[in-house]
N, C-alpha and C. Protein backbone atom coordinates (compact mmCIF):
# COMPACT_ATOMS: atom_id res chain seq x y z
N UNK A 1 41.96 164.27 -75.37
CA UNK A 1 40.74 164.20 -76.17
C UNK A 1 40.83 163.19 -77.78
N UNK A 2 41.69 163.92 -78.11
CA UNK A 2 42.31 162.98 -79.19
C UNK A 2 42.41 161.40 -79.37
N UNK A 3 43.21 161.35 -77.82
CA UNK A 3 43.46 160.26 -77.26
C UNK A 3 42.33 159.05 -77.18
N UNK A 4 41.10 159.68 -76.45
CA UNK A 4 40.50 158.73 -76.05
C UNK A 4 39.37 158.38 -77.38
N UNK A 5 39.52 159.31 -78.54
CA UNK A 5 38.93 158.86 -79.71
C UNK A 5 39.73 157.55 -81.32
N UNK A 6 40.79 158.01 -80.37
CA UNK A 6 41.92 156.79 -81.03
C UNK A 6 41.70 155.52 -80.23
N UNK A 7 41.37 155.95 -78.93
CA UNK A 7 41.32 154.31 -78.30
C UNK A 7 39.62 153.27 -78.83
N UNK A 8 38.09 154.69 -78.65
CA UNK A 8 37.30 154.18 -78.83
C UNK A 8 37.37 153.13 -80.46
N UNK A 9 38.34 154.29 -81.75
CA UNK A 9 38.25 153.69 -82.88
C UNK A 9 38.82 151.98 -83.17
N UNK A 10 39.79 151.67 -82.01
CA UNK A 10 40.15 150.82 -81.87
C UNK A 10 39.50 149.74 -81.44
N UNK A 11 38.55 150.09 -80.02
CA UNK A 11 37.40 149.58 -80.11
C UNK A 11 36.73 148.87 -80.42
N UNK A 12 36.22 150.20 -82.04
CA UNK A 12 35.26 149.87 -83.14
C UNK A 12 36.37 148.68 -83.88
N UNK A 13 37.44 148.67 -84.32
CA UNK A 13 38.38 147.79 -85.09
C UNK A 13 38.06 146.70 -84.66
N UNK A 14 38.17 146.30 -83.56
CA UNK A 14 38.13 144.87 -82.71
C UNK A 14 37.10 144.37 -82.82
N UNK A 15 35.54 145.17 -82.46
CA UNK A 15 34.66 144.64 -82.80
C UNK A 15 34.22 144.35 -84.35
N UNK A 16 34.67 144.75 -85.65
CA UNK A 16 34.67 144.63 -86.62
C UNK A 16 35.35 143.21 -86.96
N UNK A 17 36.64 143.18 -86.14
CA UNK A 17 37.19 142.09 -86.40
C UNK A 17 37.11 140.50 -85.78
N UNK A 18 35.83 140.81 -84.99
CA UNK A 18 35.27 139.57 -84.27
C UNK A 18 35.97 139.29 -83.02
N UNK A 19 37.16 139.91 -82.72
CA UNK A 19 37.48 140.07 -81.11
C UNK A 19 36.21 140.31 -80.28
N UNK A 20 36.06 139.41 -79.37
CA UNK A 20 35.30 139.97 -78.30
C UNK A 20 35.44 140.72 -77.49
N UNK A 21 34.78 141.57 -77.43
CA UNK A 21 34.52 142.82 -76.52
C UNK A 21 34.47 142.72 -74.85
N UNK A 22 34.74 143.31 -74.47
CA UNK A 22 34.98 143.52 -72.94
C UNK A 22 33.99 144.14 -72.40
N UNK A 23 33.42 144.11 -71.24
CA UNK A 23 32.86 144.86 -70.47
C UNK A 23 33.47 146.62 -70.69
N UNK A 24 34.38 146.46 -70.01
CA UNK A 24 35.51 147.83 -70.08
C UNK A 24 35.26 148.39 -70.80
N UNK A 25 35.70 147.96 -72.62
CA UNK A 25 35.36 148.54 -73.87
C UNK A 25 33.56 149.23 -74.28
N UNK A 26 32.74 148.39 -73.66
CA UNK A 26 31.54 148.98 -73.86
C UNK A 26 31.37 149.91 -72.59
N UNK A 27 31.69 150.32 -71.23
CA UNK A 27 31.18 151.30 -70.71
C UNK A 27 32.15 152.42 -71.00
N UNK A 28 33.42 152.31 -71.48
CA UNK A 28 34.09 153.83 -71.95
C UNK A 28 32.88 153.97 -73.20
N UNK A 29 32.52 153.71 -73.89
CA UNK A 29 32.07 154.23 -75.16
C UNK A 29 30.26 154.78 -74.60
N UNK A 30 29.61 153.80 -73.71
CA UNK A 30 28.62 154.00 -73.14
C UNK A 30 29.43 155.84 -72.35
N UNK A 31 29.99 155.83 -71.60
CA UNK A 31 30.35 156.97 -71.32
C UNK A 31 30.75 158.17 -71.69
N UNK A 32 31.30 157.89 -73.10
CA UNK A 32 31.86 159.08 -73.73
C UNK A 32 30.45 159.52 -74.25
N UNK A 33 29.50 158.69 -74.68
CA UNK A 33 28.38 159.05 -75.35
C UNK A 33 27.40 159.79 -74.23
N UNK A 34 27.18 159.08 -73.33
CA UNK A 34 26.17 159.93 -71.94
C UNK A 34 27.56 161.79 -71.84
N UNK A 35 28.40 161.82 -71.95
CA UNK A 35 29.47 163.10 -71.84
C UNK A 35 28.76 163.78 -72.85
N UNK A 36 28.38 163.15 -73.80
CA UNK A 36 28.70 163.98 -75.34
C UNK A 36 27.38 164.59 -75.11
N UNK A 37 26.72 163.70 -74.92
CA UNK A 37 24.81 164.19 -74.85
C UNK A 37 24.07 163.51 -76.33
N UNK A 38 24.83 162.56 -76.33
CA UNK A 38 24.24 161.59 -77.31
C UNK A 38 23.43 160.23 -77.40
N UNK A 39 24.25 159.34 -75.86
CA UNK A 39 23.25 158.38 -75.25
C UNK A 39 21.24 158.49 -75.83
N UNK A 40 21.17 159.22 -75.21
CA UNK A 40 19.86 159.64 -74.97
C UNK A 40 19.22 159.85 -76.70
N UNK A 41 19.73 160.38 -77.37
CA UNK A 41 19.38 161.48 -78.10
C UNK A 41 19.47 160.17 -79.36
N UNK A 42 20.53 159.40 -79.52
CA UNK A 42 20.82 158.71 -80.81
C UNK A 42 20.10 157.08 -80.44
N UNK A 43 20.49 156.73 -79.18
CA UNK A 43 20.18 155.56 -78.99
C UNK A 43 18.69 155.23 -78.65
N UNK A 44 17.68 154.41 -78.83
CA UNK A 44 16.42 153.97 -78.79
C UNK A 44 16.43 153.61 -77.46
N UNK A 45 15.15 153.22 -76.81
CA UNK A 45 15.16 152.51 -75.55
C UNK A 45 15.65 151.35 -75.50
N UNK A 46 15.43 150.75 -76.10
CA UNK A 46 15.56 149.42 -76.24
C UNK A 46 17.19 149.15 -76.91
N UNK A 47 17.96 149.76 -77.45
CA UNK A 47 19.12 149.94 -77.53
C UNK A 47 20.06 149.93 -76.35
N UNK A 48 19.40 151.24 -75.47
CA UNK A 48 19.94 151.11 -74.24
C UNK A 48 20.29 150.03 -73.31
N UNK A 49 19.09 149.56 -73.50
CA UNK A 49 18.57 148.75 -72.37
C UNK A 49 19.61 147.08 -72.74
N UNK A 50 19.75 147.25 -74.20
CA UNK A 50 20.57 145.90 -74.39
C UNK A 50 21.82 146.08 -73.95
N UNK A 51 22.42 147.63 -74.21
CA UNK A 51 23.72 147.97 -73.44
C UNK A 51 23.80 147.78 -72.31
N UNK A 52 23.31 148.25 -71.62
CA UNK A 52 23.15 148.11 -70.06
C UNK A 52 22.90 146.97 -69.37
N UNK A 53 22.22 145.95 -69.95
CA UNK A 53 22.57 144.83 -69.51
C UNK A 53 23.53 144.07 -69.86
N UNK A 54 24.02 144.39 -70.76
CA UNK A 54 25.53 143.51 -71.58
C UNK A 54 26.33 144.07 -70.59
N UNK A 55 26.49 145.20 -70.18
CA UNK A 55 27.56 145.81 -68.89
C UNK A 55 27.13 145.08 -67.60
N UNK A 56 25.93 144.71 -67.28
CA UNK A 56 25.70 144.18 -65.62
C UNK A 56 25.74 142.50 -65.93
N UNK A 57 25.47 142.06 -66.95
CA UNK A 57 25.51 140.62 -67.15
C UNK A 57 26.93 140.12 -67.90
N UNK A 58 27.31 140.63 -68.76
CA UNK A 58 28.41 139.69 -69.67
C UNK A 58 29.83 140.62 -69.33
N UNK A 59 30.72 139.92 -68.87
CA UNK A 59 32.05 140.53 -68.90
C UNK A 59 33.00 140.47 -70.31
N UNK A 60 32.87 139.56 -71.14
CA UNK A 60 32.93 139.13 -72.43
C UNK A 60 32.55 138.98 -73.72
N UNK A 61 32.29 139.62 -74.39
CA UNK A 61 30.87 138.84 -75.38
C UNK A 61 31.89 138.08 -76.00
N UNK A 62 30.72 136.69 -76.09
CA UNK A 62 31.26 135.44 -76.65
C UNK A 62 30.48 135.15 -78.19
N UNK A 63 28.92 135.16 -77.91
CA UNK A 63 28.26 135.29 -79.01
C UNK A 63 28.11 136.25 -80.22
N UNK A 64 28.55 135.42 -81.54
CA UNK A 64 28.52 136.25 -82.33
C UNK A 64 27.19 137.25 -82.55
N UNK A 65 26.04 136.41 -82.64
CA UNK A 65 24.90 137.31 -82.54
C UNK A 65 24.38 138.53 -81.45
N UNK A 66 25.10 138.07 -80.07
CA UNK A 66 25.14 139.54 -79.38
C UNK A 66 26.40 140.51 -80.17
N UNK A 67 27.23 140.34 -80.28
CA UNK A 67 27.99 140.93 -80.64
C UNK A 67 28.21 141.89 -81.79
N UNK A 68 27.12 141.13 -82.64
CA UNK A 68 27.16 142.12 -83.84
C UNK A 68 25.40 142.93 -83.68
N UNK A 69 24.59 142.66 -82.75
CA UNK A 69 23.74 143.67 -82.07
C UNK A 69 24.62 144.70 -81.46
N UNK A 70 25.74 144.69 -80.49
CA UNK A 70 26.08 145.73 -79.47
C UNK A 70 27.24 146.33 -80.31
N UNK A 71 27.54 146.01 -81.36
CA UNK A 71 28.86 146.52 -82.33
C UNK A 71 27.60 147.69 -83.31
N UNK A 72 26.71 146.68 -83.73
CA UNK A 72 25.32 148.22 -84.27
C UNK A 72 25.58 149.08 -83.86
N UNK A 73 25.13 148.68 -82.19
CA UNK A 73 24.46 150.30 -81.33
C UNK A 73 25.94 150.83 -81.55
N UNK A 74 26.74 150.23 -80.88
CA UNK A 74 28.14 150.90 -80.82
C UNK A 74 28.68 152.06 -82.06
N UNK A 75 28.60 151.22 -83.14
CA UNK A 75 28.90 151.86 -84.30
C UNK A 75 27.99 153.38 -84.47
N UNK A 76 26.93 153.03 -84.18
CA UNK A 76 25.95 154.36 -84.34
C UNK A 76 26.19 155.87 -83.45
N UNK A 77 26.87 154.70 -82.30
CA UNK A 77 26.91 155.87 -81.23
C UNK A 77 28.31 156.39 -81.37
N UNK A 78 29.25 155.58 -82.18
CA UNK A 78 30.83 156.42 -82.59
C UNK A 78 30.53 157.56 -83.79
N UNK A 79 29.54 157.29 -84.91
CA UNK A 79 29.46 158.33 -85.97
C UNK A 79 28.19 159.63 -85.46
N UNK A 80 27.85 159.24 -84.24
CA UNK A 80 27.29 160.43 -83.54
C UNK A 80 27.82 161.15 -82.78
N UNK A 81 29.38 160.74 -82.22
CA UNK A 81 30.17 161.39 -81.44
C UNK A 81 30.87 161.71 -82.38
N UNK A 82 31.32 161.38 -83.25
CA UNK A 82 32.42 161.77 -84.21
C UNK A 82 32.32 163.60 -84.61
N UNK A 83 33.34 163.71 -84.85
CA UNK A 83 33.69 165.42 -84.85
C UNK A 83 33.35 165.76 -86.78
N UNK A 84 32.60 167.09 -87.15
CA UNK A 84 32.15 167.03 -88.39
C UNK A 84 33.57 167.18 -88.98
N UNK A 85 34.94 167.80 -88.75
CA UNK A 85 35.93 167.47 -88.85
C UNK A 85 36.18 166.19 -89.05
N UNK A 86 36.47 165.34 -88.74
CA UNK A 86 36.77 163.90 -88.38
C UNK A 86 36.24 163.22 -89.76
N UNK A 87 34.55 163.72 -89.38
CA UNK A 87 33.39 163.03 -90.82
C UNK A 87 33.89 163.59 -92.40
N UNK A 88 34.44 164.70 -92.33
CA UNK A 88 34.59 165.24 -93.67
C UNK A 88 35.59 164.75 -93.94
N UNK A 89 36.77 164.49 -92.82
CA UNK A 89 38.35 163.97 -93.32
C UNK A 89 37.76 162.81 -94.15
N UNK A 90 37.08 161.57 -93.50
CA UNK A 90 36.51 160.78 -94.37
C UNK A 90 35.93 160.56 -95.34
N UNK A 91 35.41 162.07 -95.19
CA UNK A 91 34.79 161.52 -96.56
C UNK A 91 34.42 162.37 -98.17
N UNK A 92 35.08 163.29 -97.18
CA UNK A 92 35.30 164.61 -98.47
C UNK A 92 37.20 164.52 -98.61
N UNK A 93 38.01 164.78 -97.76
CA UNK A 93 39.47 164.67 -97.67
C UNK A 93 40.31 163.80 -98.37
N UNK A 94 39.79 162.50 -97.89
CA UNK A 94 40.69 161.27 -98.64
C UNK A 94 40.00 161.62 -100.46
N UNK A 95 38.95 161.62 -100.61
CA UNK A 95 38.82 161.35 -102.13
C UNK A 95 39.40 162.87 -102.39
N UNK A 96 39.74 164.01 -102.11
CA UNK A 96 40.05 165.25 -102.80
C UNK A 96 41.52 165.04 -102.70
N UNK A 97 42.38 164.24 -101.80
CA UNK A 97 43.55 163.70 -101.64
C UNK A 97 44.19 162.80 -103.02
N UNK A 98 42.94 161.82 -103.18
CA UNK A 98 43.30 160.90 -104.15
C UNK A 98 43.08 161.15 -105.46
N UNK A 99 42.15 162.11 -105.64
CA UNK A 99 42.28 163.32 -107.08
C UNK A 99 43.70 163.59 -107.22
N UNK A 100 44.32 164.83 -106.19
CA UNK A 100 45.15 165.87 -106.29
C UNK A 100 46.74 164.50 -106.64
N UNK A 101 46.31 163.42 -105.87
CA UNK A 101 47.52 162.74 -106.01
C UNK A 101 47.47 162.24 -107.26
N UNK A 102 46.43 161.90 -107.95
CA UNK A 102 46.14 161.21 -109.21
C UNK A 102 47.05 162.40 -110.09
N UNK A 103 46.77 163.00 -110.06
CA UNK A 103 46.80 164.27 -111.08
C UNK A 103 48.70 164.54 -110.77
N UNK A 104 48.95 164.81 -109.90
CA UNK A 104 50.75 165.15 -109.41
C UNK A 104 51.11 163.97 -110.11
N UNK A 105 50.95 163.25 -110.42
CA UNK A 105 51.11 161.34 -110.74
C UNK A 105 51.58 161.34 -112.20
N UNK A 106 50.36 161.55 -112.49
CA UNK A 106 50.23 162.15 -114.03
C UNK A 106 51.34 162.97 -114.45
N UNK A 107 51.67 164.03 -113.36
CA UNK A 107 52.77 165.09 -114.23
C UNK A 107 54.04 164.59 -113.41
N UNK A 108 53.92 163.21 -113.39
CA UNK A 108 55.44 162.76 -112.63
C UNK A 108 55.93 162.96 -111.45
N UNK A 109 55.46 163.70 -110.85
CA UNK A 109 55.44 163.64 -109.03
C UNK A 109 55.60 162.29 -108.35
N UNK A 110 56.89 161.49 -108.07
CA UNK A 110 56.76 159.91 -107.58
C UNK A 110 56.20 160.08 -106.40
N UNK A 111 56.37 161.17 -105.80
CA UNK A 111 56.50 160.91 -104.05
C UNK A 111 54.73 161.89 -103.84
N UNK A 112 53.78 161.71 -104.54
CA UNK A 112 52.49 161.50 -104.68
C UNK A 112 51.66 161.00 -104.54
N UNK A 113 52.47 159.21 -104.77
CA UNK A 113 51.66 158.20 -104.15
C UNK A 113 51.43 158.49 -102.57
N UNK A 114 52.12 158.84 -101.72
CA UNK A 114 52.27 159.31 -100.22
C UNK A 114 51.04 160.05 -99.73
N UNK A 115 50.69 160.94 -99.95
CA UNK A 115 49.28 161.76 -100.29
C UNK A 115 48.17 161.52 -99.94
N UNK A 116 47.86 159.97 -100.46
CA UNK A 116 46.52 159.77 -99.99
C UNK A 116 46.34 159.22 -98.09
N UNK A 117 48.11 158.63 -97.94
CA UNK A 117 47.91 158.27 -96.37
C UNK A 117 48.32 159.83 -95.64
N UNK A 118 48.26 160.72 -96.00
CA UNK A 118 49.07 162.14 -95.23
C UNK A 118 48.13 162.10 -94.41
N UNK A 119 47.99 162.15 -93.15
CA UNK A 119 46.77 162.52 -92.31
C UNK A 119 46.66 163.84 -92.29
N UNK A 120 47.97 164.40 -92.21
CA UNK A 120 47.85 166.21 -92.15
C UNK A 120 47.58 166.52 -93.26
N UNK A 121 47.57 166.19 -94.40
CA UNK A 121 47.19 166.42 -96.05
C UNK A 121 45.88 166.36 -95.70
N UNK A 122 45.15 165.27 -95.35
CA UNK A 122 44.06 164.76 -95.08
C UNK A 122 43.26 166.08 -94.90
N UNK A 123 43.63 166.54 -93.81
CA UNK A 123 43.48 167.63 -92.82
C UNK A 123 43.37 168.79 -93.46
N UNK A 124 44.08 169.06 -93.78
CA UNK A 124 44.55 170.46 -94.35
C UNK A 124 43.46 170.74 -96.00
N UNK A 125 43.59 169.89 -95.76
CA UNK A 125 42.43 169.71 -97.43
C UNK A 125 41.06 170.02 -97.21
N UNK A 126 40.47 169.30 -96.02
CA UNK A 126 39.37 169.34 -95.46
C UNK A 126 38.77 170.27 -94.80
N UNK A 127 39.96 171.23 -94.02
CA UNK A 127 39.84 172.54 -93.52
C UNK A 127 39.50 173.49 -94.69
N UNK A 128 40.51 173.67 -95.81
CA UNK A 128 40.04 174.52 -96.67
C UNK A 128 38.85 173.89 -97.56
N UNK A 129 38.48 173.13 -97.51
CA UNK A 129 37.11 172.45 -98.15
C UNK A 129 35.88 173.06 -97.62
N UNK A 130 36.10 173.44 -95.92
CA UNK A 130 35.36 173.60 -94.91
C UNK A 130 35.12 175.30 -95.20
N UNK A 131 36.05 175.60 -95.29
CA UNK A 131 36.57 177.47 -95.61
C UNK A 131 35.81 178.19 -97.09
N UNK A 132 35.82 176.82 -98.21
CA UNK A 132 35.23 177.42 -99.29
C UNK A 132 34.30 177.29 -99.44
N UNK A 133 33.42 175.90 -98.26
CA UNK A 133 31.89 175.76 -98.83
C UNK A 133 31.01 177.00 -97.98
N UNK A 134 31.56 177.52 -96.93
CA UNK A 134 31.04 178.33 -96.06
C UNK A 134 30.87 179.71 -96.74
């Protein structure tokens, strides 16, 4: 499951980097959105029609305009499919880690520079935050 989320994030990274998306990339995200019940809840009828047409007609998106439209819909779907923990890691955990890292660096801890990039530390801080706020 984590592999699928990582793969989808790679697809979205490719999309933001202006690397043309393929039909298979779009189908993977649409399939995940359907399985998680996000497809009909989040995407409007027009957005769904656009994605369906792109899947049927285009093998690889070359148009920047079409890529911008498709990427905005796919980003919207990805954000809706993102788990609560992942979202909080991105929003809360990274801020807490940078704050704690800065404090530790001020105290003289030289290894604290790496804390902000440690995914396990970010996850730990986020789950601790979640347990405190409930």
